[in-house]
């Protein structure tokens, strides 16, 4: 009986992650509509909010039910977060004025780089930190909803200025973050090397 309950819980978890992946598909579809009507960004913002809720409840639900699917949940949660982030960048690409494709690619590169950075730090230190400079997934989602609202009311005419500035600032933030991690890991390795010599 206990085995059947675990199988049922596992199926429910897979279904929850299927719903998360469907949000990505919906956002991509909405991007095509938003290209000609920015009001569709309200629905994109709704998807961001729903993704936040499912992200919040999936992990807690797994802990409460004690499903034992910790590694699978960690992998699926963060992989789907990345796919969702890619779908949001695609929306930005679709609504951007002509000629900003390189900057949208830069935005995607920066977003992916911050995620890779967090996972490499986790592999090196066994500490998972996704908050940098007081900004984490929740704050990022809130900022995206605010940005969508701004775009709905004021359009995309400022993209040619704001998008490059954002990508450049993100690059500087990533460089600073990487330097701080480099110093920390170097200090850990030197300390470990010294303790081995004794």
N, C-alpha and C. Protein backbone atom coordinates (compact mmCIF):
# COMPACT_ATOMS: atom_id res chain seq x y z
N UNK A 1 0.83 -1.19 0.00
CA UNK A 1 0.00 0.00 0.00
C UNK A 1 0.87 1.26 0.00
N UNK A 2 1.93 1.24 0.82
CA UNK A 2 2.85 2.38 0.91
C UNK A 2 3.52 2.65 -0.43
N UNK A 3 3.87 1.58 -1.15
CA UNK A 3 4.50 1.72 -2.47
C UNK A 3 3.54 2.39 -3.45
N UNK A 4 2.27 2.00 -3.42
CA UNK A 4 1.28 2.60 -4.32
C UNK A 4 1.11 4.08 -4.02
N UNK A 5 1.15 4.45 -2.74
CA UNK A 5 1.02 5.87 -2.36
C UNK A 5 2.20 6.66 -2.90
N UNK A 6 3.41 6.09 -2.82
CA UNK A 6 4.60 6.79 -3.33
C UNK A 6 4.52 6.96 -4.85
N UNK A 7 4.04 5.94 -5.54
CA UNK A 7 3.90 6.03 -7.00
C UNK A 7 2.89 7.11 -7.35
N UNK A 8 1.79 7.18 -6.61
CA UNK A 8 0.77 8.20 -6.86
C UNK A 8 1.34 9.60 -6.61
N UNK A 9 2.10 9.76 -5.55
CA UNK A 9 2.72 11.07 -5.25
C UNK A 9 3.71 11.43 -6.35
N UNK A 10 4.50 10.46 -6.80
CA UNK A 10 5.46 10.73 -7.88
C UNK A 10 4.75 11.16 -9.14
N UNK A 11 3.62 10.53 -9.45
CA UNK A 11 2.85 10.92 -10.63
C UNK A 11 2.29 12.34 -10.47
N UNK A 12 1.86 12.68 -9.27
CA UNK A 12 1.35 14.03 -9.02
C UNK A 12 2.48 15.06 -9.19
N UNK A 13 3.68 14.71 -8.73
CA UNK A 13 4.83 15.61 -8.91
C UNK A 13 5.14 15.81 -10.38
N UNK A 14 5.13 14.71 -11.15
CA UNK A 14 5.39 14.83 -12.59
C UNK A 14 4.32 15.70 -13.25
N UNK A 15 3.09 15.58 -12.82
CA UNK A 15 2.01 16.38 -13.37
C UNK A 15 2.21 17.86 -13.04
N UNK A 16 2.66 18.15 -11.82
CA UNK A 16 2.93 19.54 -11.43
C UNK A 16 4.03 20.13 -12.32
N UNK A 17 5.07 19.35 -12.60
CA UNK A 17 6.15 19.85 -13.45
C UNK A 17 5.70 19.96 -14.91
N UNK A 18 4.77 19.10 -15.32
CA UNK A 18 4.20 19.22 -16.66
C UNK A 18 3.44 20.55 -16.77
N UNK A 19 2.70 20.90 -15.73
CA UNK A 19 2.00 22.19 -15.73
C UNK A 19 2.99 23.34 -15.80
N UNK A 20 4.12 23.22 -15.10
CA UNK A 20 5.14 24.27 -15.16
C UNK A 20 5.69 24.41 -16.58
N UNK A 21 5.93 23.29 -17.24
CA UNK A 21 6.46 23.37 -18.60
C UNK A 21 5.41 23.95 -19.56
N UNK A 22 4.13 23.71 -19.27
CA UNK A 22 3.08 24.28 -20.11
C UNK A 22 3.06 25.81 -20.01
N UNK A 23 3.40 26.34 -18.83
CA UNK A 23 3.48 27.80 -18.69
C UNK A 23 4.52 28.37 -19.65
N UNK A 24 5.61 27.66 -19.84
CA UNK A 24 6.64 28.10 -20.79
C UNK A 24 6.06 28.15 -22.20
N UNK A 25 5.32 27.11 -22.57
CA UNK A 25 4.71 27.07 -23.89
C UNK A 25 3.72 28.21 -24.08
N UNK A 26 2.92 28.47 -23.05
CA UNK A 26 1.94 29.55 -23.12
C UNK A 26 2.64 30.89 -23.29
N UNK A 27 3.74 31.11 -22.55
CA UNK A 27 4.47 32.37 -22.65
C UNK A 27 5.03 32.55 -24.07
N UNK A 28 5.56 31.49 -24.65
CA UNK A 28 6.09 31.58 -26.02
C UNK A 28 4.97 31.93 -27.00
N UNK A 29 3.81 31.31 -26.84
CA UNK A 29 2.67 31.63 -27.71
C UNK A 29 2.25 33.09 -27.51
N UNK A 30 2.19 33.53 -26.25
CA UNK A 30 1.81 34.92 -25.96
C UNK A 30 2.79 35.91 -26.58
N UNK A 31 4.05 35.51 -26.71
CA UNK A 31 5.07 36.40 -27.31
C UNK A 31 4.68 36.79 -28.73
N UNK A 32 4.13 35.85 -29.48
CA UNK A 32 3.72 36.15 -30.85
C UNK A 32 2.57 37.15 -30.89
N UNK A 33 1.65 37.03 -29.94
CA UNK A 33 0.55 37.98 -29.87
C UNK A 33 1.01 39.34 -29.36
N UNK A 34 1.92 39.33 -28.38
CA UNK A 34 2.41 40.58 -27.79
C UNK A 34 3.20 41.40 -28.80
N UNK A 35 3.73 40.76 -29.81
CA UNK A 35 4.48 41.48 -30.85
C UNK A 35 3.62 42.56 -31.50
N UNK A 36 2.34 42.28 -31.65
CA UNK A 36 1.45 43.25 -32.29
C UNK A 36 0.50 43.94 -31.30
N UNK A 37 0.40 43.38 -30.09
CA UNK A 37 -0.49 43.98 -29.08
C UNK A 37 0.14 43.78 -27.70
N UNK A 38 0.74 44.85 -27.17
CA UNK A 38 1.46 44.75 -25.90
C UNK A 38 0.56 44.41 -24.71
N UNK A 39 -0.74 44.51 -24.87
CA UNK A 39 -1.67 44.15 -23.78
C UNK A 39 -1.54 42.68 -23.40
N UNK A 40 -1.04 41.85 -24.31
CA UNK A 40 -0.83 40.44 -23.99
C UNK A 40 0.23 40.25 -22.91
N UNK A 41 0.99 41.29 -22.64
CA UNK A 41 1.98 41.20 -21.56
C UNK A 41 1.31 41.05 -20.19
N UNK A 42 0.03 41.47 -20.08
CA UNK A 42 -0.70 41.21 -18.83
C UNK A 42 -0.77 39.70 -18.59
N UNK A 43 -1.01 38.94 -19.65
CA UNK A 43 -1.09 37.47 -19.51
C UNK A 43 0.29 36.88 -19.23
N UNK A 44 1.32 37.48 -19.81
CA UNK A 44 2.69 37.03 -19.50
C UNK A 44 2.96 37.27 -18.02
N UNK A 45 2.56 38.43 -17.51
CA UNK A 45 2.73 38.72 -16.08
C UNK A 45 1.95 37.73 -15.22
N UNK A 46 0.76 37.36 -15.67
CA UNK A 46 -0.01 36.35 -14.95
C UNK A 46 0.74 35.02 -14.93
N UNK A 47 1.36 34.64 -16.04
CA UNK A 47 2.14 33.40 -16.08
C UNK A 47 3.34 33.48 -15.12
N UNK A 48 3.96 34.66 -15.03
CA UNK A 48 5.07 34.84 -14.10
C UNK A 48 4.58 34.62 -12.67
N UNK A 49 3.43 35.20 -12.35
CA UNK A 49 2.86 35.05 -11.01
C UNK A 49 2.49 33.59 -10.74
N UNK A 50 1.86 32.93 -11.70
CA UNK A 50 1.50 31.52 -11.52
C UNK A 50 2.73 30.64 -11.39
N UNK A 51 3.78 30.97 -12.14
CA UNK A 51 5.03 30.21 -12.03
C UNK A 51 5.63 30.38 -10.64
N UNK A 52 5.51 31.59 -10.09
CA UNK A 52 5.98 31.85 -8.72
C UNK A 52 5.20 30.98 -7.73
N UNK A 53 3.87 30.95 -7.88
CA UNK A 53 3.06 30.16 -6.95
C UNK A 53 3.38 28.67 -7.03
N UNK A 54 3.48 28.14 -8.25
CA UNK A 54 3.78 26.71 -8.38
C UNK A 54 5.19 26.41 -7.88
N UNK A 55 6.12 27.31 -8.12
CA UNK A 55 7.49 27.14 -7.63
C UNK A 55 7.50 27.12 -6.10
N UNK A 56 6.70 27.99 -5.51
CA UNK A 56 6.62 28.09 -4.06
C UNK A 56 6.01 26.84 -3.45
N UNK A 57 4.93 26.36 -4.05
CA UNK A 57 4.20 25.24 -3.46
C UNK A 57 4.77 23.87 -3.79
N UNK A 58 5.41 23.71 -4.95
CA UNK A 58 5.93 22.40 -5.34
C UNK A 58 6.93 21.86 -4.32
N UNK A 59 7.90 22.69 -3.97
CA UNK A 59 8.92 22.25 -3.03
C UNK A 59 8.34 21.97 -1.66
N UNK A 60 7.48 22.87 -1.20
CA UNK A 60 6.87 22.69 0.12
C UNK A 60 5.98 21.46 0.15
N UNK A 61 5.25 21.24 -0.92
CA UNK A 61 4.39 20.06 -1.01
C UNK A 61 5.22 18.77 -0.96
N UNK A 62 6.35 18.78 -1.67
CA UNK A 62 7.23 17.62 -1.64
C UNK A 62 7.78 17.36 -0.25
N UNK A 63 8.14 18.44 0.46
CA UNK A 63 8.66 18.27 1.82
C UNK A 63 7.56 17.77 2.77
N UNK A 64 6.36 18.32 2.64
CA UNK A 64 5.25 17.91 3.52
C UNK A 64 4.86 16.45 3.30
N UNK A 65 4.88 16.05 2.04
CA UNK A 65 4.49 14.67 1.71
C UNK A 65 5.64 13.69 1.88
N UNK A 66 6.84 14.22 2.08
CA UNK A 66 8.02 13.38 2.24
C UNK A 66 8.13 12.37 1.10
N UNK A 67 8.13 12.90 -0.13
CA UNK A 67 8.13 12.03 -1.31
C UNK A 67 9.47 11.33 -1.53
N UNK A 68 10.53 11.89 -0.99
CA UNK A 68 11.85 11.31 -1.20
C UNK A 68 12.42 11.61 -2.58
N UNK A 69 11.79 12.54 -3.30
CA UNK A 69 12.24 12.88 -4.66
C UNK A 69 13.05 14.17 -4.64
N UNK A 70 14.01 14.24 -3.75
CA UNK A 70 14.77 15.47 -3.53
C UNK A 70 15.63 15.82 -4.73
N UNK A 71 16.42 14.89 -5.21
CA UNK A 71 17.32 15.18 -6.34
C UNK A 71 16.52 15.44 -7.63
N UNK A 72 15.51 14.63 -7.85
CA UNK A 72 14.66 14.83 -9.03
C UNK A 72 13.97 16.18 -8.96
N UNK A 73 13.42 16.53 -7.79
CA UNK A 73 12.74 17.81 -7.61
C UNK A 73 13.68 18.98 -7.80
N UNK A 74 14.90 18.87 -7.25
CA UNK A 74 15.89 19.94 -7.41
C UNK A 74 16.22 20.15 -8.88
N UNK A 75 16.46 19.04 -9.57
CA UNK A 75 16.82 19.12 -10.99
C UNK A 75 15.67 19.71 -11.81
N UNK A 76 14.48 19.15 -11.67
CA UNK A 76 13.34 19.59 -12.47
C UNK A 76 12.98 21.04 -12.17
N UNK A 77 12.99 21.40 -10.90
CA UNK A 77 12.63 22.76 -10.50
C UNK A 77 13.54 23.78 -11.16
N UNK A 78 14.83 23.57 -11.07
CA UNK A 78 15.77 24.55 -11.60
C UNK A 78 15.89 24.49 -13.12
N UNK A 79 15.74 23.31 -13.68
CA UNK A 79 15.76 23.22 -15.14
C UNK A 79 14.56 23.95 -15.73
N UNK A 80 13.38 23.72 -15.17
CA UNK A 80 12.18 24.39 -15.68
C UNK A 80 12.21 25.89 -15.40
N UNK A 81 12.84 26.29 -14.30
CA UNK A 81 13.03 27.73 -14.06
C UNK A 81 13.85 28.35 -15.18
N UNK A 82 14.89 27.66 -15.61
CA UNK A 82 15.72 28.17 -16.70
C UNK A 82 14.92 28.23 -18.02
N UNK A 83 14.16 27.18 -18.30
CA UNK A 83 13.35 27.18 -19.52
C UNK A 83 12.32 28.32 -19.48
N UNK A 84 11.72 28.54 -18.32
CA UNK A 84 10.76 29.64 -18.18
C UNK A 84 11.47 30.98 -18.40
N UNK A 85 12.65 31.13 -17.85
CA UNK A 85 13.43 32.36 -18.06
C UNK A 85 13.72 32.56 -19.55
N UNK A 86 14.08 31.50 -20.23
CA UNK A 86 14.32 31.59 -21.68
C UNK A 86 13.06 32.03 -22.42
N UNK A 87 11.91 31.52 -22.00
CA UNK A 87 10.66 31.92 -22.66
C UNK A 87 10.38 33.40 -22.44
N UNK A 88 10.73 33.92 -21.28
CA UNK A 88 10.54 35.36 -21.00
C UNK A 88 11.49 36.21 -21.84
N UNK A 89 12.72 35.75 -22.01
CA UNK A 89 13.66 36.47 -22.87
C UNK A 89 13.14 36.45 -24.31
N UNK A 90 12.53 35.34 -24.71
CA UNK A 90 11.94 35.26 -26.04
C UNK A 90 10.84 36.31 -26.22
N UNK A 91 10.04 36.52 -25.18
CA UNK A 91 9.02 37.57 -25.24
C UNK A 91 9.70 38.91 -25.49
N UNK A 92 10.77 39.18 -24.73
CA UNK A 92 11.51 40.43 -24.92
C UNK A 92 12.03 40.57 -26.34
N UNK A 93 12.52 39.49 -26.88
CA UNK A 93 13.02 39.49 -28.26
C UNK A 93 11.89 39.82 -29.23
N UNK A 94 10.75 39.19 -29.03
CA UNK A 94 9.64 39.37 -29.96
C UNK A 94 9.08 40.79 -29.95
N UNK A 95 9.08 41.43 -28.79
CA UNK A 95 8.50 42.78 -28.72
C UNK A 95 9.54 43.88 -28.91
N UNK A 96 10.81 43.50 -29.00
CA UNK A 96 11.88 44.49 -29.18
C UNK A 96 11.83 45.13 -30.56
N UNK A 97 12.18 46.41 -30.62
CA UNK A 97 12.34 47.03 -31.94
C UNK A 97 13.43 46.32 -32.73
N UNK A 98 13.41 46.45 -34.03
CA UNK A 98 14.38 45.81 -34.91
C UNK A 98 15.80 46.24 -34.54
N UNK A 99 16.73 45.29 -34.65
CA UNK A 99 18.14 45.60 -34.44
C UNK A 99 18.66 45.33 -33.04
N UNK A 100 17.83 44.79 -32.15
CA UNK A 100 18.27 44.53 -30.78
C UNK A 100 18.51 43.05 -30.50
N UNK A 101 18.52 42.23 -31.56
CA UNK A 101 18.70 40.79 -31.39
C UNK A 101 19.96 40.44 -30.63
N UNK A 102 21.06 41.16 -30.92
CA UNK A 102 22.32 40.90 -30.23
C UNK A 102 22.18 41.15 -28.73
N UNK A 103 21.46 42.21 -28.35
CA UNK A 103 21.29 42.54 -26.94
C UNK A 103 20.36 41.55 -26.24
N UNK A 104 19.37 41.05 -26.97
CA UNK A 104 18.52 39.99 -26.39
C UNK A 104 19.31 38.72 -26.17
N UNK A 105 20.20 38.41 -27.12
CA UNK A 105 21.09 37.26 -26.94
C UNK A 105 22.00 37.48 -25.74
N UNK A 106 22.49 38.71 -25.59
CA UNK A 106 23.31 39.05 -24.42
C UNK A 106 22.55 38.89 -23.13
N UNK A 107 21.28 39.26 -23.14
CA UNK A 107 20.43 39.11 -21.95
C UNK A 107 20.28 37.64 -21.59
N UNK A 108 20.03 36.81 -22.59
CA UNK A 108 19.90 35.38 -22.35
C UNK A 108 21.22 34.80 -21.83
N UNK A 109 22.33 35.26 -22.41
CA UNK A 109 23.65 34.80 -21.97
C UNK A 109 23.90 35.17 -20.51
N UNK A 110 23.55 36.40 -20.13
CA UNK A 110 23.75 36.84 -18.75
C UNK A 110 22.87 36.03 -17.79
N UNK A 111 21.61 35.83 -18.16
CA UNK A 111 20.70 35.07 -17.30
C UNK A 111 21.23 33.65 -17.10
N UNK A 112 21.64 33.02 -18.20
CA UNK A 112 22.19 31.67 -18.11
C UNK A 112 23.48 31.63 -17.31
N UNK A 113 24.31 32.66 -17.47
CA UNK A 113 25.59 32.71 -16.76
C UNK A 113 25.40 32.81 -15.25
N UNK A 114 24.43 33.61 -14.82
CA UNK A 114 24.16 33.69 -13.38
C UNK A 114 23.70 32.34 -12.83
N UNK A 115 22.87 31.63 -13.60
CA UNK A 115 22.41 30.32 -13.15
C UNK A 115 23.57 29.31 -13.11
N UNK A 116 24.37 29.28 -14.17
CA UNK A 116 25.52 28.37 -14.20
C UNK A 116 26.47 28.69 -13.04
N UNK A 117 26.69 29.97 -12.79
CA UNK A 117 27.54 30.40 -11.70
C UNK A 117 27.04 29.85 -10.37
N UNK A 118 25.73 29.94 -10.13
CA UNK A 118 25.15 29.43 -8.88
C UNK A 118 25.35 27.93 -8.76
N UNK A 119 25.17 27.19 -9.85
CA UNK A 119 25.32 25.74 -9.79
C UNK A 119 26.78 25.31 -9.64
N UNK A 120 27.70 26.03 -10.27
CA UNK A 120 29.11 25.71 -10.09
C UNK A 120 29.57 25.99 -8.67
N UNK A 121 29.08 27.10 -8.10
CA UNK A 121 29.40 27.39 -6.70
C UNK A 121 28.85 26.31 -5.79
N UNK A 122 27.66 25.84 -6.08
CA UNK A 122 27.05 24.76 -5.31
C UNK A 122 27.90 23.49 -5.39
N UNK A 123 28.37 23.18 -6.59
CA UNK A 123 29.22 21.99 -6.77
C UNK A 123 30.53 22.12 -6.01
N UNK A 124 31.08 23.34 -5.95
CA UNK A 124 32.38 23.56 -5.31
C UNK A 124 32.28 23.66 -3.79
N UNK A 125 31.16 24.18 -3.26
CA UNK A 125 31.07 24.45 -1.82
C UNK A 125 29.94 23.72 -1.11
N UNK A 126 29.06 23.11 -1.87
CA UNK A 126 27.86 22.46 -1.33
C UNK A 126 26.91 23.47 -0.67
N UNK A 127 27.00 24.73 -1.09
CA UNK A 127 26.10 25.78 -0.63
C UNK A 127 25.35 26.29 -1.85
N UNK A 128 24.02 26.25 -1.77
CA UNK A 128 23.24 26.72 -2.92
C UNK A 128 22.72 28.11 -2.62
N UNK A 129 23.26 29.10 -3.34
CA UNK A 129 22.87 30.49 -3.15
C UNK A 129 22.40 31.06 -4.48
N UNK A 130 21.12 31.42 -4.52
CA UNK A 130 20.59 32.01 -5.74
C UNK A 130 20.27 33.49 -5.56
N UNK A 131 20.54 34.02 -4.38
CA UNK A 131 20.36 35.45 -4.13
C UNK A 131 21.70 36.14 -4.28
N UNK A 132 21.75 37.18 -5.07
CA UNK A 132 22.94 37.98 -5.27
C UNK A 132 22.57 39.44 -5.12
N UNK A 133 23.29 40.12 -4.23
CA UNK A 133 23.09 41.56 -4.01
C UNK A 133 21.64 41.86 -3.65
N UNK A 134 21.02 40.97 -2.88
CA UNK A 134 19.65 41.16 -2.42
C UNK A 134 18.59 40.84 -3.46
N UNK A 135 19.01 40.30 -4.59
CA UNK A 135 18.05 39.96 -5.65
C UNK A 135 18.06 38.45 -5.87
N UNK A 136 16.87 37.89 -5.77
CA UNK A 136 16.70 36.46 -6.02
C UNK A 136 15.53 36.24 -6.95
N UNK A 137 15.07 35.01 -7.06
CA UNK A 137 13.98 34.71 -7.98
C UNK A 137 12.69 35.50 -7.72
N UNK A 138 12.33 35.68 -6.46
CA UNK A 138 11.09 36.40 -6.15
C UNK A 138 11.19 37.85 -6.58
N UNK A 139 12.30 38.50 -6.25
CA UNK A 139 12.50 39.90 -6.64
C UNK A 139 12.58 40.04 -8.16
N UNK A 140 13.21 39.09 -8.80
CA UNK A 140 13.32 39.12 -10.26
C UNK A 140 11.92 39.02 -10.90
N UNK A 141 11.10 38.13 -10.38
CA UNK A 141 9.74 38.00 -10.92
C UNK A 141 8.96 39.31 -10.73
N UNK A 142 9.08 39.90 -9.54
CA UNK A 142 8.39 41.17 -9.29
C UNK A 142 8.87 42.25 -10.26
N UNK A 143 10.20 42.31 -10.47
CA UNK A 143 10.75 43.31 -11.40
C UNK A 143 10.22 43.06 -12.82
N UNK A 144 10.11 41.80 -13.23
CA UNK A 144 9.62 41.49 -14.57
C UNK A 144 8.16 41.93 -14.75
N UNK A 145 7.35 41.74 -13.71
CA UNK A 145 5.96 42.19 -13.78
C UNK A 145 5.90 43.71 -13.87
N UNK A 146 6.74 44.40 -13.10
CA UNK A 146 6.79 45.87 -13.16
C UNK A 146 7.25 46.32 -14.55
N UNK A 147 8.27 45.65 -15.10
CA UNK A 147 8.76 45.99 -16.44
C UNK A 147 7.67 45.77 -17.48
N UNK A 148 6.95 44.65 -17.38
CA UNK A 148 5.84 44.40 -18.31
C UNK A 148 4.79 45.50 -18.23
N UNK A 149 4.46 45.91 -17.01
CA UNK A 149 3.47 46.97 -16.82
C UNK A 149 3.96 48.27 -17.46
N UNK A 150 5.22 48.59 -17.24
CA UNK A 150 5.82 49.80 -17.85
C UNK A 150 5.72 49.73 -19.37
N UNK A 151 6.06 48.57 -19.94
CA UNK A 151 6.03 48.41 -21.40
C UNK A 151 4.61 48.55 -21.94
N UNK A 152 3.63 47.99 -21.22
CA UNK A 152 2.24 48.08 -21.68
C UNK A 152 1.82 49.54 -21.79
N UNK A 153 2.20 50.34 -20.80
CA UNK A 153 1.76 51.74 -20.79
C UNK A 153 2.62 52.67 -21.65
N UNK A 154 3.92 52.38 -21.75
CA UNK A 154 4.83 53.32 -22.43
C UNK A 154 5.46 52.78 -23.71
N UNK A 155 5.23 51.50 -24.01
CA UNK A 155 5.76 50.94 -25.25
C UNK A 155 7.21 50.51 -25.14
N UNK A 156 7.79 50.21 -26.29
CA UNK A 156 9.15 49.67 -26.33
C UNK A 156 10.16 50.65 -26.91
N UNK A 157 9.77 51.90 -27.02
CA UNK A 157 10.66 52.89 -27.66
C UNK A 157 11.97 53.08 -26.90
N UNK A 158 11.98 52.81 -25.61
CA UNK A 158 13.20 52.99 -24.80
C UNK A 158 14.09 51.75 -24.78
N UNK A 159 13.65 50.67 -25.41
CA UNK A 159 14.42 49.42 -25.41
C UNK A 159 15.83 49.62 -25.94
N UNK A 160 15.98 50.43 -27.00
CA UNK A 160 17.29 50.58 -27.63
C UNK A 160 18.30 51.21 -26.68
N UNK A 161 17.83 51.88 -25.64
CA UNK A 161 18.72 52.46 -24.63
C UNK A 161 18.81 51.55 -23.41
N UNK A 162 17.64 51.12 -22.91
CA UNK A 162 17.58 50.39 -21.65
C UNK A 162 18.12 48.97 -21.72
N UNK A 163 17.86 48.27 -22.82
CA UNK A 163 18.32 46.88 -22.94
C UNK A 163 19.85 46.79 -22.93
N UNK A 164 20.57 47.59 -23.74
CA UNK A 164 22.03 47.52 -23.66
C UNK A 164 22.57 47.90 -22.28
N UNK A 165 21.96 48.90 -21.64
CA UNK A 165 22.41 49.29 -20.30
C UNK A 165 22.22 48.14 -19.32
N UNK A 166 21.06 47.47 -19.40
CA UNK A 166 20.78 46.35 -18.49
C UNK A 166 21.76 45.20 -18.72
N UNK A 167 22.04 44.90 -19.98
CA UNK A 167 22.97 43.80 -20.28
C UNK A 167 24.37 44.15 -19.80
N UNK A 168 24.79 45.39 -20.01
CA UNK A 168 26.13 45.81 -19.57
C UNK A 168 26.23 45.78 -18.04
N UNK A 169 25.21 46.29 -17.35
CA UNK A 169 25.21 46.24 -15.88
C UNK A 169 25.19 44.80 -15.37
N UNK A 170 24.43 43.94 -16.04
CA UNK A 170 24.42 42.52 -15.67
C UNK A 170 25.80 41.90 -15.85
N UNK A 171 26.48 42.27 -16.94
CA UNK A 171 27.84 41.76 -17.19
C UNK A 171 28.79 42.20 -16.10
N UNK A 172 28.69 43.46 -15.69
CA UNK A 172 29.54 43.97 -14.61
C UNK A 172 29.22 43.26 -13.29
N UNK A 173 27.93 43.05 -13.02
CA UNK A 173 27.54 42.32 -11.82
C UNK A 173 28.05 40.89 -11.83
N UNK A 174 27.99 40.25 -12.99
CA UNK A 174 28.49 38.88 -13.10
C UNK A 174 30.01 38.84 -12.90
N UNK A 175 30.71 39.83 -13.46
CA UNK A 175 32.17 39.88 -13.29
C UNK A 175 32.52 40.07 -11.82
N UNK A 176 31.83 40.98 -11.13
CA UNK A 176 32.08 41.20 -9.71
C UNK A 176 31.77 39.95 -8.90
N UNK A 177 30.64 39.33 -9.19
CA UNK A 177 30.25 38.12 -8.49
C UNK A 177 31.27 37.00 -8.72
N UNK A 178 31.72 36.86 -9.95
CA UNK A 178 32.71 35.82 -10.27
C UNK A 178 34.02 36.09 -9.54
N UNK A 179 34.43 37.35 -9.49
CA UNK A 179 35.66 37.70 -8.77
C UNK A 179 35.54 37.38 -7.28
N UNK A 180 34.40 37.69 -6.67
CA UNK A 180 34.20 37.39 -5.25
C UNK A 180 34.22 35.88 -5.00
N UNK A 181 33.59 35.13 -5.88
CA UNK A 181 33.60 33.67 -5.73
C UNK A 181 35.01 33.13 -5.94
N UNK A 182 35.73 33.67 -6.93
CA UNK A 182 37.11 33.27 -7.19
C UNK A 182 37.96 33.45 -5.93
N UNK A 183 37.85 34.61 -5.30
CA UNK A 183 38.62 34.87 -4.08
C UNK A 183 38.26 33.90 -2.97
N UNK A 184 36.98 33.63 -2.82
CA UNK A 184 36.52 32.73 -1.77
C UNK A 184 37.02 31.31 -2.00
N UNK A 185 36.89 30.81 -3.22
CA UNK A 185 37.34 29.45 -3.52
C UNK A 185 38.86 29.32 -3.41
N UNK A 186 39.56 30.37 -3.83
CA UNK A 186 41.02 30.38 -3.71
C UNK A 186 41.41 30.26 -2.24
N UNK A 187 40.75 31.04 -1.38
CA UNK A 187 41.06 31.00 0.05
C UNK A 187 40.76 29.62 0.64
N UNK A 188 39.67 29.00 0.22
CA UNK A 188 39.32 27.66 0.70
C UNK A 188 40.39 26.65 0.27
N UNK A 189 40.83 26.72 -1.00
CA UNK A 189 41.85 25.80 -1.50
C UNK A 189 43.18 26.00 -0.79
N UNK A 190 43.56 27.25 -0.57
CA UNK A 190 44.84 27.52 0.12
C UNK A 190 44.77 26.99 1.54
N UNK A 191 43.63 27.22 2.22
CA UNK A 191 43.48 26.73 3.60
C UNK A 191 43.56 25.21 3.62
N UNK A 192 42.89 24.55 2.69
CA UNK A 192 42.92 23.08 2.63
C UNK A 192 44.33 22.58 2.33
N UNK A 193 45.04 23.27 1.43
CA UNK A 193 46.38 22.86 1.09
C UNK A 193 47.31 22.99 2.30
N UNK A 194 47.15 24.08 3.06
CA UNK A 194 47.96 24.29 4.26
C UNK A 194 47.69 23.23 5.31
N UNK A 195 46.43 22.84 5.46
CA UNK A 195 46.10 21.83 6.48
C UNK A 195 46.64 20.45 6.08
N UNK A 196 46.73 20.18 4.78
CA UNK A 196 47.29 18.91 4.32
C UNK A 196 48.80 18.87 4.56
N UNK A 197 49.47 20.01 4.39
CA UNK A 197 50.92 20.06 4.60
C UNK A 197 51.31 19.81 6.05
N UNK A 198 50.44 20.16 6.98
CA UNK A 198 50.75 19.97 8.41
C UNK A 198 50.60 18.57 8.77
